[in-house]
Amino acid sequence: MWAGYLPAEIDVHAFTEAWLPDMAERGVSVEVFPTPSARGVWMRPEELQHHLADELDKYA
């Protein structure tokens, strides 16, 4: 499915402040920690944004 695609680095602040709100507006779900042999965990972008904000607060 992803043949021909390559991963790219995204700044975590840009991801939480721009990408995730845009995904939420479009009704897109996010799969986190997918593996080749098993499915990842699906969650709403708002939920992932909350988890990432909690983690980032630890390093502020």
PDB file of N, CA and C in Angstrom:
ATOM      1  N   MET A   1       0.810  -1.189   0.000  1.00  0.00           N
ATOM      2  CA  MET A   1       0.000   0.000   0.000  1.00  0.00           C
ATOM      3  C   MET A   1       0.864   1.267   0.000  1.00  0.00           C
ATOM      4  N   TRP A   2       1.960   1.242   0.724  1.00  0.00           N
ATOM      5  CA  TRP A   2       2.796   2.432   0.832  1.00  0.00           C
ATOM      6  C   TRP A   2       4.063   2.324  -0.011  1.00  0.00           C
ATOM      7  N   ALA A   3       4.080   1.402  -0.952  1.00  0.00           N
ATOM      8  CA  ALA A   3       5.245   1.258  -1.821  1.00  0.00           C
ATOM      9  C   ALA A   3       5.508   2.573  -2.550  1.00  0.00           C
ATOM     10  N   GLY A   4       6.766   2.961  -2.604  1.00  0.00           N
ATOM     11  CA  GLY A   4       7.122   4.195  -3.282  1.00  0.00           C
ATOM     12  C   GLY A   4       7.106   5.423  -2.384  1.00  0.00           C
ATOM     13  N   TYR A   5       6.618   5.278  -1.148  1.00  0.00           N
ATOM     14  CA  TYR A   5       6.599   6.391  -0.204  1.00  0.00           C
ATOM     15  C   TYR A   5       7.785   6.294   0.742  1.00  0.00           C
ATOM     16  N   LEU A   6       8.252   7.420   1.216  1.00  0.00           N
ATOM     17  CA  LEU A   6       9.347   7.459   2.175  1.00  0.00           C
ATOM     18  C   LEU A   6       8.922   8.273   3.391  1.00  0.00           C
ATOM     19  N   PRO A   7       9.377   7.893   4.582  1.00  0.00           N
ATOM     20  CA  PRO A   7       9.049   8.684   5.766  1.00  0.00           C
ATOM     21  C   PRO A   7       9.762  10.037   5.720  1.00  0.00           C
ATOM     22  N   ALA A   8       9.156  11.008   6.354  1.00  0.00           N
ATOM     23  CA  ALA A   8       9.754  12.344   6.418  1.00  0.00           C
ATOM     24  C   ALA A   8       9.635  12.871   7.845  1.00  0.00           C
ATOM     25  N   GLU A   9      10.626  13.645   8.242  1.00  0.00           N
ATOM     26  CA  GLU A   9      10.637  14.247   9.567  1.00  0.00           C
ATOM     27  C   GLU A   9       9.632  15.399   9.621  1.00  0.00           C
ATOM     28  N   ILE A  10       8.853  15.453  10.712  1.00  0.00           N
ATOM     29  CA  ILE A  10       7.918  16.553  10.961  1.00  0.00           C
ATOM     30  C   ILE A  10       8.207  17.080  12.352  1.00  0.00           C
ATOM     31  N   ASP A  11       8.388  18.380  12.481  1.00  0.00           N
ATOM     32  CA  ASP A  11       8.598  18.990  13.790  1.00  0.00           C
ATOM     33  C   ASP A  11       7.387  18.705  14.673  1.00  0.00           C
ATOM     34  N   VAL A  12       7.626  18.244  15.890  1.00  0.00           N
ATOM     35  CA  VAL A  12       6.536  17.844  16.779  1.00  0.00           C
ATOM     36  C   VAL A  12       5.605  19.016  17.093  1.00  0.00           C
ATOM     37  N   HIS A  13       6.148  20.230  17.186  1.00  0.00           N
ATOM     38  CA  HIS A  13       5.303  21.391  17.473  1.00  0.00           C
ATOM     39  C   HIS A  13       4.414  21.727  16.273  1.00  0.00           C
ATOM     40  N   ALA A  14       4.952  21.634  15.080  1.00  0.00           N
ATOM     41  CA  ALA A  14       4.143  21.836  13.876  1.00  0.00           C
ATOM     42  C   ALA A  14       3.074  20.761  13.772  1.00  0.00           C
ATOM     43  N   PHE A  15       3.441  19.532  14.128  1.00  0.00           N
ATOM     44  CA  PHE A  15       2.487  18.425  14.076  1.00  0.00           C
ATOM     45  C   PHE A  15       1.332  18.648  15.038  1.00  0.00           C
ATOM     46  N   THR A  16       1.645  19.051  16.285  1.00  0.00           N
ATOM     47  CA  THR A  16       0.590  19.231  17.283  1.00  0.00           C
ATOM     48  C   THR A  16      -0.210  20.507  17.072  1.00  0.00           C
ATOM     49  N   GLU A  17       0.414  21.545  16.521  1.00  0.00           N
ATOM     50  CA  GLU A  17      -0.267  22.831  16.389  1.00  0.00           C
ATOM     51  C   GLU A  17      -0.969  23.028  15.045  1.00  0.00           C
ATOM     52  N   ALA A  18      -0.520  22.335  14.014  1.00  0.00           N
ATOM     53  CA  ALA A  18      -1.113  22.526  12.685  1.00  0.00           C
ATOM     54  C   ALA A  18      -1.709  21.238  12.108  1.00  0.00           C
ATOM     55  N   TRP A  19      -0.910  20.183  12.079  1.00  0.00           N
ATOM     56  CA  TRP A  19      -1.368  18.940  11.446  1.00  0.00           C
ATOM     57  C   TRP A  19      -2.548  18.314  12.177  1.00  0.00           C
ATOM     58  N   LEU A  20      -2.429  18.125  13.492  1.00  0.00           N
ATOM     59  CA  LEU A  20      -3.503  17.447  14.228  1.00  0.00           C
ATOM     60  C   LEU A  20      -4.812  18.229  14.214  1.00  0.00           C
ATOM     61  N   PRO A  21      -4.807  19.560  14.419  1.00  0.00           N
ATOM     62  CA  PRO A  21      -6.074  20.289  14.301  1.00  0.00           C
ATOM     63  C   PRO A  21      -6.696  20.164  12.904  1.00  0.00           C
ATOM     64  N   ASP A  22      -5.863  20.186  11.862  1.00  0.00           N
ATOM     65  CA  ASP A  22      -6.369  20.020  10.505  1.00  0.00           C
ATOM     66  C   ASP A  22      -6.987  18.633  10.321  1.00  0.00           C
ATOM     67  N   MET A  23      -6.320  17.613  10.846  1.00  0.00           N
ATOM     68  CA  MET A  23      -6.865  16.251  10.761  1.00  0.00           C
ATOM     69  C   MET A  23      -8.207  16.158  11.479  1.00  0.00           C
ATOM     70  N   ALA A  24      -8.305  16.806  12.644  1.00  0.00           N
ATOM     71  CA  ALA A  24      -9.551  16.792  13.415  1.00  0.00           C
ATOM     72  C   ALA A  24     -10.679  17.455  12.619  1.00  0.00           C
ATOM     73  N   GLU A  25     -10.392  18.581  11.980  1.00  0.00           N
ATOM     74  CA  GLU A  25     -11.399  19.276  11.177  1.00  0.00           C
ATOM     75  C   GLU A  25     -11.888  18.420  10.023  1.00  0.00           C
ATOM     76  N   ARG A  26     -10.998  17.618   9.472  1.00  0.00           N
ATOM     77  CA  ARG A  26     -11.355  16.765   8.330  1.00  0.00           C
ATOM     78  C   ARG A  26     -11.923  15.415   8.755  1.00  0.00           C
ATOM     79  N   GLY A  27     -11.965  15.151  10.067  1.00  0.00           N
ATOM     80  CA  GLY A  27     -12.522  13.889  10.564  1.00  0.00           C
ATOM     81  C   GLY A  27     -11.621  12.689  10.339  1.00  0.00           C
ATOM     82  N   VAL A  28     -10.309  12.931  10.292  1.00  0.00           N
ATOM     83  CA  VAL A  28      -9.336  11.865  10.053  1.00  0.00           C
ATOM     84  C   VAL A  28      -8.913  11.246  11.381  1.00  0.00           C
ATOM     85  N   SER A  29      -8.842   9.931  11.442  1.00  0.00           N
ATOM     86  CA  SER A  29      -8.308   9.232  12.619  1.00  0.00           C
ATOM     87  C   SER A  29      -6.807   9.033  12.441  1.00  0.00           C
ATOM     88  N   VAL A  30      -6.128   8.789  13.549  1.00  0.00           N
ATOM     89  CA  VAL A  30      -4.676   8.626  13.546  1.00  0.00           C
ATOM     90  C   VAL A  30      -4.338   7.237  14.086  1.00  0.00           C
ATOM     91  N   GLU A  31      -3.464   6.518  13.384  1.00  0.00           N
ATOM     92  CA  GLU A  31      -2.972   5.240  13.885  1.00  0.00           C
ATOM     93  C   GLU A  31      -1.568   5.470  14.435  1.00  0.00           C
ATOM     94  N   VAL A  32      -1.388   5.151  15.704  1.00  0.00           N
ATOM     95  CA  VAL A  32      -0.076   5.339  16.321  1.00  0.00           C
ATOM     96  C   VAL A  32       0.561   3.982  16.598  1.00  0.00           C
ATOM     97  N   PHE A  33       1.869   3.943  16.485  1.00  0.00           N
ATOM     98  CA  PHE A  33       2.692   2.757  16.707  1.00  0.00           C
ATOM     99  C   PHE A  33       2.278   1.554  15.870  1.00  0.00           C
ATOM    100  N   PRO A  34       2.039   1.740  14.555  1.00  0.00           N
ATOM    101  CA  PRO A  34       1.752   0.570  13.725  1.00  0.00           C
ATOM    102  C   PRO A  34       3.014  -0.270  13.557  1.00  0.00           C
ATOM    103  N   THR A  35       2.823  -1.546  13.402  1.00  0.00           N
ATOM    104  CA  THR A  35       3.942  -2.458  13.178  1.00  0.00           C
ATOM    105  C   THR A  35       3.645  -3.286  11.922  1.00  0.00           C
ATOM    106  N   PRO A  36       4.655  -3.879  11.305  1.00  0.00           N
ATOM    107  CA  PRO A  36       4.408  -4.695  10.112  1.00  0.00           C
ATOM    108  C   PRO A  36       3.511  -5.906  10.393  1.00  0.00           C
ATOM    109  N   SER A  37       3.589  -6.468  11.601  1.00  0.00           N
ATOM    110  CA  SER A  37       2.835  -7.690  11.880  1.00  0.00           C
ATOM    111  C   SER A  37       1.535  -7.472  12.648  1.00  0.00           C
ATOM    112  N   ALA A  38       1.310  -6.278  13.144  1.00  0.00           N
ATOM    113  CA  ALA A  38       0.095  -6.025  13.911  1.00  0.00           C
ATOM    114  C   ALA A  38      -0.366  -4.596  13.695  1.00  0.00           C
ATOM    115  N   ARG A  39      -1.615  -4.371  13.961  1.00  0.00           N
ATOM    116  CA  ARG A  39      -2.160  -3.030  13.810  1.00  0.00           C
ATOM    117  C   ARG A  39      -1.753  -2.169  14.995  1.00  0.00           C
ATOM    118  N   GLY A  40      -1.720  -0.880  14.753  1.00  0.00           N
ATOM    119  CA  GLY A  40      -1.424   0.072  15.816  1.00  0.00           C
ATOM    120  C   GLY A  40      -2.689   0.417  16.584  1.00  0.00           C
ATOM    121  N   VAL A  41      -2.632   1.497  17.315  1.00  0.00           N
ATOM    122  CA  VAL A  41      -3.763   1.975  18.102  1.00  0.00           C
ATOM    123  C   VAL A  41      -4.382   3.156  17.365  1.00  0.00           C
ATOM    124  N   TRP A  42      -5.693   3.105  17.127  1.00  0.00           N
ATOM    125  CA  TRP A  42      -6.388   4.200  16.460  1.00  0.00           C
ATOM    126  C   TRP A  42      -6.942   5.155  17.496  1.00  0.00           C
ATOM    127  N   MET A  43      -6.823   6.453  17.228  1.00  0.00           N
ATOM    128  CA  MET A  43      -7.393   7.457  18.122  1.00  0.00           C
ATOM    129  C   MET A  43      -7.729   8.722  17.337  1.00  0.00           C
ATOM    130  N   ARG A  44      -8.538   9.555  17.967  1.00  0.00           N
ATOM    131  CA  ARG A  44      -8.886  10.841  17.378  1.00  0.00           C
ATOM    132  C   ARG A  44      -7.670  11.758  17.455  1.00  0.00           C
ATOM    133  N   PRO A  45      -7.504  12.667  16.504  1.00  0.00           N
ATOM    134  CA  PRO A  45      -6.371  13.602  16.538  1.00  0.00           C
ATOM    135  C   PRO A  45      -6.335  14.419  17.827  1.00  0.00           C
ATOM    136  N   GLU A  46      -7.506  14.783  18.352  1.00  0.00           N
ATOM    137  CA  GLU A  46      -7.556  15.556  19.595  1.00  0.00           C
ATOM    138  C   GLU A  46      -6.961  14.775  20.761  1.00  0.00           C
ATOM    139  N   GLU A  47      -7.201  13.479  20.764  1.00  0.00           N
ATOM    140  CA  GLU A  47      -6.663  12.625  21.828  1.00  0.00           C
ATOM    141  C   GLU A  47      -5.140  12.538  21.730  1.00  0.00           C
ATOM    142  N   LEU A  48      -4.622  12.351  20.525  1.00  0.00           N
ATOM    143  CA  LEU A  48      -3.171  12.304  20.342  1.00  0.00           C
ATOM    144  C   LEU A  48      -2.549  13.648  20.699  1.00  0.00           C
ATOM    145  N   GLN A  49      -3.201  14.737  20.314  1.00  0.00           N
ATOM    146  CA  GLN A  49      -2.707  16.072  20.638  1.00  0.00           C
ATOM    147  C   GLN A  49      -2.609  16.249  22.154  1.00  0.00           C
ATOM    148  N   HIS A  50      -3.598  15.775  22.869  1.00  0.00           N
ATOM    149  CA  HIS A  50      -3.592  15.858  24.341  1.00  0.00           C
ATOM    150  C   HIS A  50      -2.420  15.060  24.922  1.00  0.00           C
ATOM    151  N   HIS A  51      -2.226  13.834  24.449  1.00  0.00           N
ATOM    152  CA  HIS A  51      -1.127  12.996  24.947  1.00  0.00           C
ATOM    153  C   HIS A  51       0.238  13.625  24.645  1.00  0.00           C
ATOM    154  N   LEU A  52       0.403  14.140  23.436  1.00  0.00           N
ATOM    155  CA  LEU A  52       1.675  14.768  23.075  1.00  0.00           C
ATOM    156  C   LEU A  52       1.913  16.042  23.891  1.00  0.00           C
ATOM    157  N   ALA A  53       0.876  16.831  24.118  1.00  0.00           N
ATOM    158  CA  ALA A  53       1.018  18.059  24.920  1.00  0.00           C
ATOM    159  C   ALA A  53       1.461  17.710  26.339  1.00  0.00           C
ATOM    160  N   ASP A  54       0.863  16.651  26.907  1.00  0.00           N
ATOM    161  CA  ASP A  54       1.277  16.215  28.262  1.00  0.00           C
ATOM    162  C   ASP A  54       2.750  15.837  28.287  1.00  0.00           C
ATOM    163  N   GLU A  55       3.207  15.111  27.269  1.00  0.00           N
ATOM    164  CA  GLU A  55       4.618  14.710  27.215  1.00  0.00           C
ATOM    165  C   GLU A  55       5.530  15.922  27.011  1.00  0.00           C
ATOM    166  N   LEU A  56       5.156  16.813  26.105  1.00  0.00           N
ATOM    167  CA  LEU A  56       5.986  17.986  25.826  1.00  0.00           C
ATOM    168  C   LEU A  56       6.095  18.896  27.037  1.00  0.00           C
ATOM    169  N   ASP A  57       5.040  18.958  27.857  1.00  0.00           N
ATOM    170  CA  ASP A  57       5.084  19.777  29.081  1.00  0.00           C
ATOM    171  C   ASP A  57       6.173  19.311  30.029  1.00  0.00           C
ATOM    172  N   LYS A  58       6.512  18.045  29.976  1.00  0.00           N
ATOM    173  CA  LYS A  58       7.556  17.499  30.861  1.00  0.00           C
ATOM    174  C   LYS A  58       8.941  18.030  30.517  1.00  0.00           C
ATOM    175  N   TYR A  59       9.111  18.529  29.282  1.00  0.00           N
ATOM    176  CA  TYR A  59      10.415  18.979  28.815  1.00  0.00           C
ATOM    177  C   TYR A  59      10.496  20.491  28.626  1.00  0.00           C
ATOM    178  N   ALA A  60       9.443  21.191  29.008  1.00  0.00           N
ATOM    179  CA  ALA A  60       9.413  22.653  28.824  1.00  0.00           C
ATOM    180  C   ALA A  60      10.248  23.352  29.863  1.00  0.00           C
TER     181      ALA A  60
END
